[in-house]
Amino acid sequence: MASGLPRQRFVLDTSLFITEEIRRDDESLDDAVLRLLDLVATARLELNISCYMPPSIHDELATMLRDRDISDEVFSRLDTWIVRKSPDRYGVTIPANIVYNFIDEMSDRVNRGLRVSEEALREVQQLDPQKLAGDDEAGEYITEADRVLSNMRDKYRRALRQGVLDSREDFDLLVLARELDAGVVTEDRGVISWADEFGLRYVHGGQFPTLLEEYLRATGTDK
């Protein structure tokens, strides 16, 4: 049946395989990923749907899966059914407006990060340095300062990184999807936001298994 259907392509992000959204009740991550890869295999054979992944994303995913003690069978199926392809970074063109918007957003985020740092500095200044006089009080003071520093790190990370394109892997994903005219499959809000900027189709990772199941059901090829 695959030969009679128009070809569809998807580029898969690491977050698809890690998200809890792909798991059924009481299903382990290992079983969920195996089930997902079975769907990818069936969609490839029956529906002419191909799934791709840049090598940088594949390496990142492999590291995350090994850290989670995923079985060798997962890696075997991953290598069989997910096509690894480097994006054509020299041949793919990106509209100047996208670069303009990226620079504008990063400039704004740097300013937000500075404001977070300034607020933390002012908060530390409000702490009483006289508490450093005794050992116990010094410990209390340092603990309070550490709390301010920890909060600053969290806020700074959110201000600069949350919802933004912040890694080569994310960029590879988008460039490859643009090159292949493929849909992006991810749970990363920053990637979704920039997929919109690139004019790309996208699917939330947690919805991707259901999407494949519906395709298979609608064509009568579901198991």
Protein backbone atom coordinates (compact mmCIF):
# COMPACT_ATOMS: atom_id res chain seq x y z
CA MET A 1 0.00 0.00 0.00
CA ALA A 2 2.90 2.39 0.73
CA SER A 3 3.76 2.83 -2.94
CA GLY A 4 0.33 4.32 -3.70
CA LEU A 5 0.41 6.93 -0.96
CA PRO A 6 2.08 10.36 -1.06
CA ARG A 7 5.29 10.41 0.92
CA GLN A 8 5.26 12.08 4.32
CA ARG A 9 8.33 12.94 6.37
CA PHE A 10 8.79 13.81 10.02
CA VAL A 11 11.92 14.92 11.87
CA LEU A 12 11.97 13.66 15.45
CA ASP A 13 13.29 15.48 18.49
CA THR A 14 14.80 13.91 21.60
CA SER A 15 11.87 15.09 23.70
CA LEU A 16 9.48 12.79 21.80
CA PHE A 17 11.15 9.70 23.27
CA ILE A 18 11.56 11.03 26.81
CA THR A 19 8.19 12.63 27.47
CA GLU A 20 5.78 10.90 29.86
CA GLU A 21 3.01 11.71 27.37
CA ILE A 22 3.86 8.75 25.13
CA ARG A 23 3.40 6.25 27.96
CA ARG A 24 0.25 4.31 28.69
CA ASP A 25 -0.81 3.49 32.26
CA ASP A 26 1.96 1.69 34.15
CA GLU A 27 4.04 1.41 30.96
CA SER A 28 7.79 1.64 31.33
CA LEU A 29 9.83 4.03 29.21
CA ASP A 30 11.44 1.04 27.50
CA ASP A 31 8.06 -0.44 26.51
CA ALA A 32 6.71 2.96 25.42
CA VAL A 33 9.67 3.63 23.13
CA LEU A 34 9.48 0.12 21.65
CA ARG A 35 5.77 0.62 20.95
CA LEU A 36 6.49 3.99 19.35
CA LEU A 37 9.19 2.50 17.13
CA ASP A 38 6.83 -0.32 16.12
CA LEU A 39 4.34 2.34 15.00
CA VAL A 40 7.10 4.16 13.09
CA ALA A 41 8.06 0.88 11.38
CA THR A 42 4.47 0.06 10.40
CA ALA A 43 3.88 3.60 9.14
CA ARG A 44 7.05 3.35 7.06
CA LEU A 45 6.04 0.06 5.46
CA GLU A 46 2.31 0.70 5.07
CA LEU A 47 1.87 4.47 4.73
CA ASN A 48 5.09 5.72 3.14
CA ILE A 49 5.86 7.80 6.25
CA SER A 50 9.58 8.28 6.90
CA CYS A 51 11.04 9.53 10.17
CA TYR A 52 14.40 11.30 10.27
CA MET A 53 16.81 12.51 12.91
CA PRO A 54 19.96 14.63 12.63
CA PRO A 55 23.10 12.81 13.95
CA SER A 56 23.46 15.45 16.68
CA ILE A 57 19.95 14.65 17.94
CA HIS A 58 20.60 10.91 17.66
CA ASP A 59 23.74 11.19 19.79
CA GLU A 60 21.91 13.28 22.37
CA LEU A 61 19.05 10.79 22.49
CA ALA A 62 21.38 7.79 22.75
CA THR A 63 23.09 9.34 25.78
CA MET A 64 19.75 10.03 27.49
CA LEU A 65 18.45 6.54 26.82
CA ARG A 66 21.63 4.89 28.12
CA ASP A 67 21.34 6.96 31.30
CA ARG A 68 17.85 5.45 31.70
CA ASP A 69 19.06 1.83 31.20
CA ILE A 70 17.07 1.34 28.00
CA SER A 71 17.39 -2.10 26.40
CA ASP A 72 19.61 -2.90 23.41
CA GLU A 73 16.46 -3.76 21.43
CA VAL A 74 15.43 -0.10 21.51
CA PHE A 75 18.76 0.97 20.01
CA SER A 76 18.51 -1.73 17.35
CA ARG A 77 15.03 -0.59 16.26
CA LEU A 78 16.02 3.05 16.49
CA ASP A 79 18.90 2.45 14.06
CA THR A 80 16.65 0.42 11.76
CA TRP A 81 13.61 2.68 11.44
CA ILE A 82 14.85 6.21 12.09
CA VAL A 83 16.86 7.64 9.20
CA ARG A 84 19.93 9.57 10.32
CA LYS A 85 20.68 12.49 8.03
CA SER A 86 22.80 15.59 8.49
CA PRO A 87 21.04 18.81 7.49
CA ASP A 88 22.32 20.67 4.44
CA ARG A 89 23.53 23.73 6.34
CA TYR A 90 25.04 25.27 3.20
CA GLY A 91 22.15 24.61 0.84
CA VAL A 92 19.16 25.47 3.03
CA THR A 93 18.28 29.15 2.98
CA ILE A 94 16.71 30.95 5.92
CA PRO A 95 14.80 34.21 5.46
CA ALA A 96 16.57 37.26 6.85
CA ASN A 97 13.47 38.09 8.87
CA ILE A 98 13.91 34.91 10.93
CA VAL A 99 17.49 35.91 11.81
CA TYR A 100 16.30 39.46 12.55
CA ASN A 101 13.62 38.16 14.94
CA PHE A 102 16.13 35.82 16.62
CA ILE A 103 18.58 38.66 17.26
CA ASP A 104 15.76 40.86 18.55
CA GLU A 105 14.52 38.14 20.91
CA MET A 106 17.99 37.34 22.26
CA SER A 107 18.64 41.03 22.90
CA ASP A 108 15.42 41.20 24.91
CA ARG A 109 16.29 38.03 26.82
CA VAL A 110 19.75 39.36 27.74
CA ASN A 111 18.08 42.45 29.21
CA ARG A 112 15.66 40.26 31.16
CA GLY A 113 18.59 38.21 32.45
CA LEU A 114 20.33 41.37 33.62
CA ARG A 115 17.20 42.44 35.51
CA VAL A 116 17.05 39.03 37.23
CA SER A 117 20.70 39.40 38.29
CA GLU A 118 20.13 42.95 39.56
CA GLU A 119 17.12 41.84 41.64
CA ALA A 120 19.14 39.03 43.20
CA LEU A 121 22.00 41.41 44.02
CA ARG A 122 19.62 43.82 45.74
CA GLU A 123 18.09 40.95 47.72
CA VAL A 124 21.53 39.83 48.92
CA GLN A 125 22.31 43.41 49.93
CA GLN A 126 19.29 43.32 52.24
CA LEU A 127 20.79 40.44 54.22
CA ASP A 128 22.46 41.43 57.46
CA PRO A 129 26.26 40.99 57.06
CA GLN A 130 26.62 41.24 60.86
CA LYS A 131 25.30 37.70 61.02
CA LEU A 132 28.74 36.62 59.84
CA ALA A 133 30.03 37.37 63.35
CA GLY A 134 29.35 33.90 64.75
CA ASP A 135 29.76 30.45 63.22
CA ASP A 136 26.11 29.46 63.57
CA GLU A 137 24.87 32.80 62.35
CA ALA A 138 27.37 32.72 59.49
CA GLY A 139 25.92 29.40 58.42
CA GLU A 140 22.43 30.87 58.51
CA TYR A 141 23.58 33.86 56.46
CA ILE A 142 25.31 31.72 53.85
CA THR A 143 22.26 29.46 53.59
CA GLU A 144 20.06 32.48 52.92
CA ALA A 145 22.51 33.82 50.34
CA ASP A 146 22.59 30.41 48.67
CA ARG A 147 18.79 30.46 48.49
CA VAL A 148 18.89 33.81 46.70
CA LEU A 149 21.57 32.50 44.33
CA SER A 150 19.58 29.34 43.58
CA ASN A 151 16.44 31.35 42.83
CA MET A 152 18.46 33.67 40.61
CA ARG A 153 19.82 30.73 38.60
CA ASP A 154 16.31 29.35 38.02
CA LYS A 155 14.90 32.71 36.97
CA TYR A 156 17.95 33.49 34.83
CA ARG A 157 17.68 30.15 33.03
CA ARG A 158 13.98 30.72 32.35
CA ALA A 159 14.60 34.28 31.14
CA LEU A 160 17.35 33.32 28.71
CA ARG A 161 16.57 29.76 27.63
CA GLN A 162 12.92 28.80 28.10
CA GLY A 163 11.04 28.89 24.82
CA VAL A 164 14.07 29.87 22.73
CA LEU A 165 16.25 28.12 20.18
CA ASP A 166 19.32 27.51 22.34
CA SER A 167 21.33 24.61 20.93
CA ARG A 168 22.93 23.33 17.74
CA GLU A 169 20.77 20.21 18.01
CA ASP A 170 17.57 22.30 17.89
CA PHE A 171 18.89 24.23 14.89
CA ASP A 172 19.85 20.99 13.09
CA LEU A 173 16.31 19.72 13.66
CA LEU A 174 14.71 22.79 12.08
CA VAL A 175 17.12 23.03 9.16
CA LEU A 176 16.63 19.34 8.31
CA ALA A 177 12.84 19.71 8.51
CA ARG A 178 13.01 22.71 6.19
CA GLU A 179 15.28 20.83 3.79
CA LEU A 180 12.93 17.81 3.65
CA ASP A 181 9.68 19.80 3.88
CA ALA A 182 8.96 17.62 6.90
CA GLY A 183 6.90 18.01 10.04
CA VAL A 184 8.72 18.57 13.34
CA VAL A 185 7.84 16.26 16.25
CA THR A 186 8.82 17.74 19.61
CA GLU A 187 7.71 18.65 23.11
CA ASP A 188 10.14 21.57 23.27
CA ARG A 189 8.26 24.88 23.34
CA GLY A 190 11.24 26.76 21.95
CA VAL A 191 11.45 24.43 18.95
CA ILE A 192 7.68 24.71 18.39
CA SER A 193 7.90 28.50 18.46
CA TRP A 194 10.70 28.53 15.90
CA ALA A 195 9.01 25.88 13.76
CA ASP A 196 6.27 28.50 13.37
CA GLU A 197 8.89 31.07 12.38
CA PHE A 198 10.33 28.64 9.81
CA GLY A 199 6.85 27.94 8.42
CA LEU A 200 7.08 24.26 9.35
CA ARG A 201 4.39 21.80 10.31
CA TYR A 202 4.77 20.43 13.82
CA VAL A 203 3.25 17.79 16.07
CA HIS A 204 3.51 17.69 19.85
CA GLY A 205 5.52 14.63 20.82
CA GLY A 206 2.85 13.24 23.10
CA GLN A 207 0.35 13.28 20.22
CA PHE A 208 2.60 11.57 17.67
CA PRO A 209 1.82 7.91 18.58
CA THR A 210 -1.91 8.70 18.41
CA LEU A 211 -1.44 10.43 15.07
CA LEU A 212 0.26 7.35 13.60
CA GLU A 213 -2.40 5.06 15.07
CA GLU A 214 -5.14 7.20 13.52
CA TYR A 215 -3.42 7.16 10.13
CA LEU A 216 -3.15 3.37 10.31
CA ARG A 217 -6.76 2.99 11.46
CA ALA A 218 -8.10 5.30 8.74
CA THR A 219 -6.32 3.33 6.02
CA GLY A 220 -7.30 -0.03 7.49
CA THR A 221 -3.73 -1.05 8.17
CA ASP A 222 -3.83 -0.96 11.97
CA LYS A 223 -2.87 -4.15 13.73
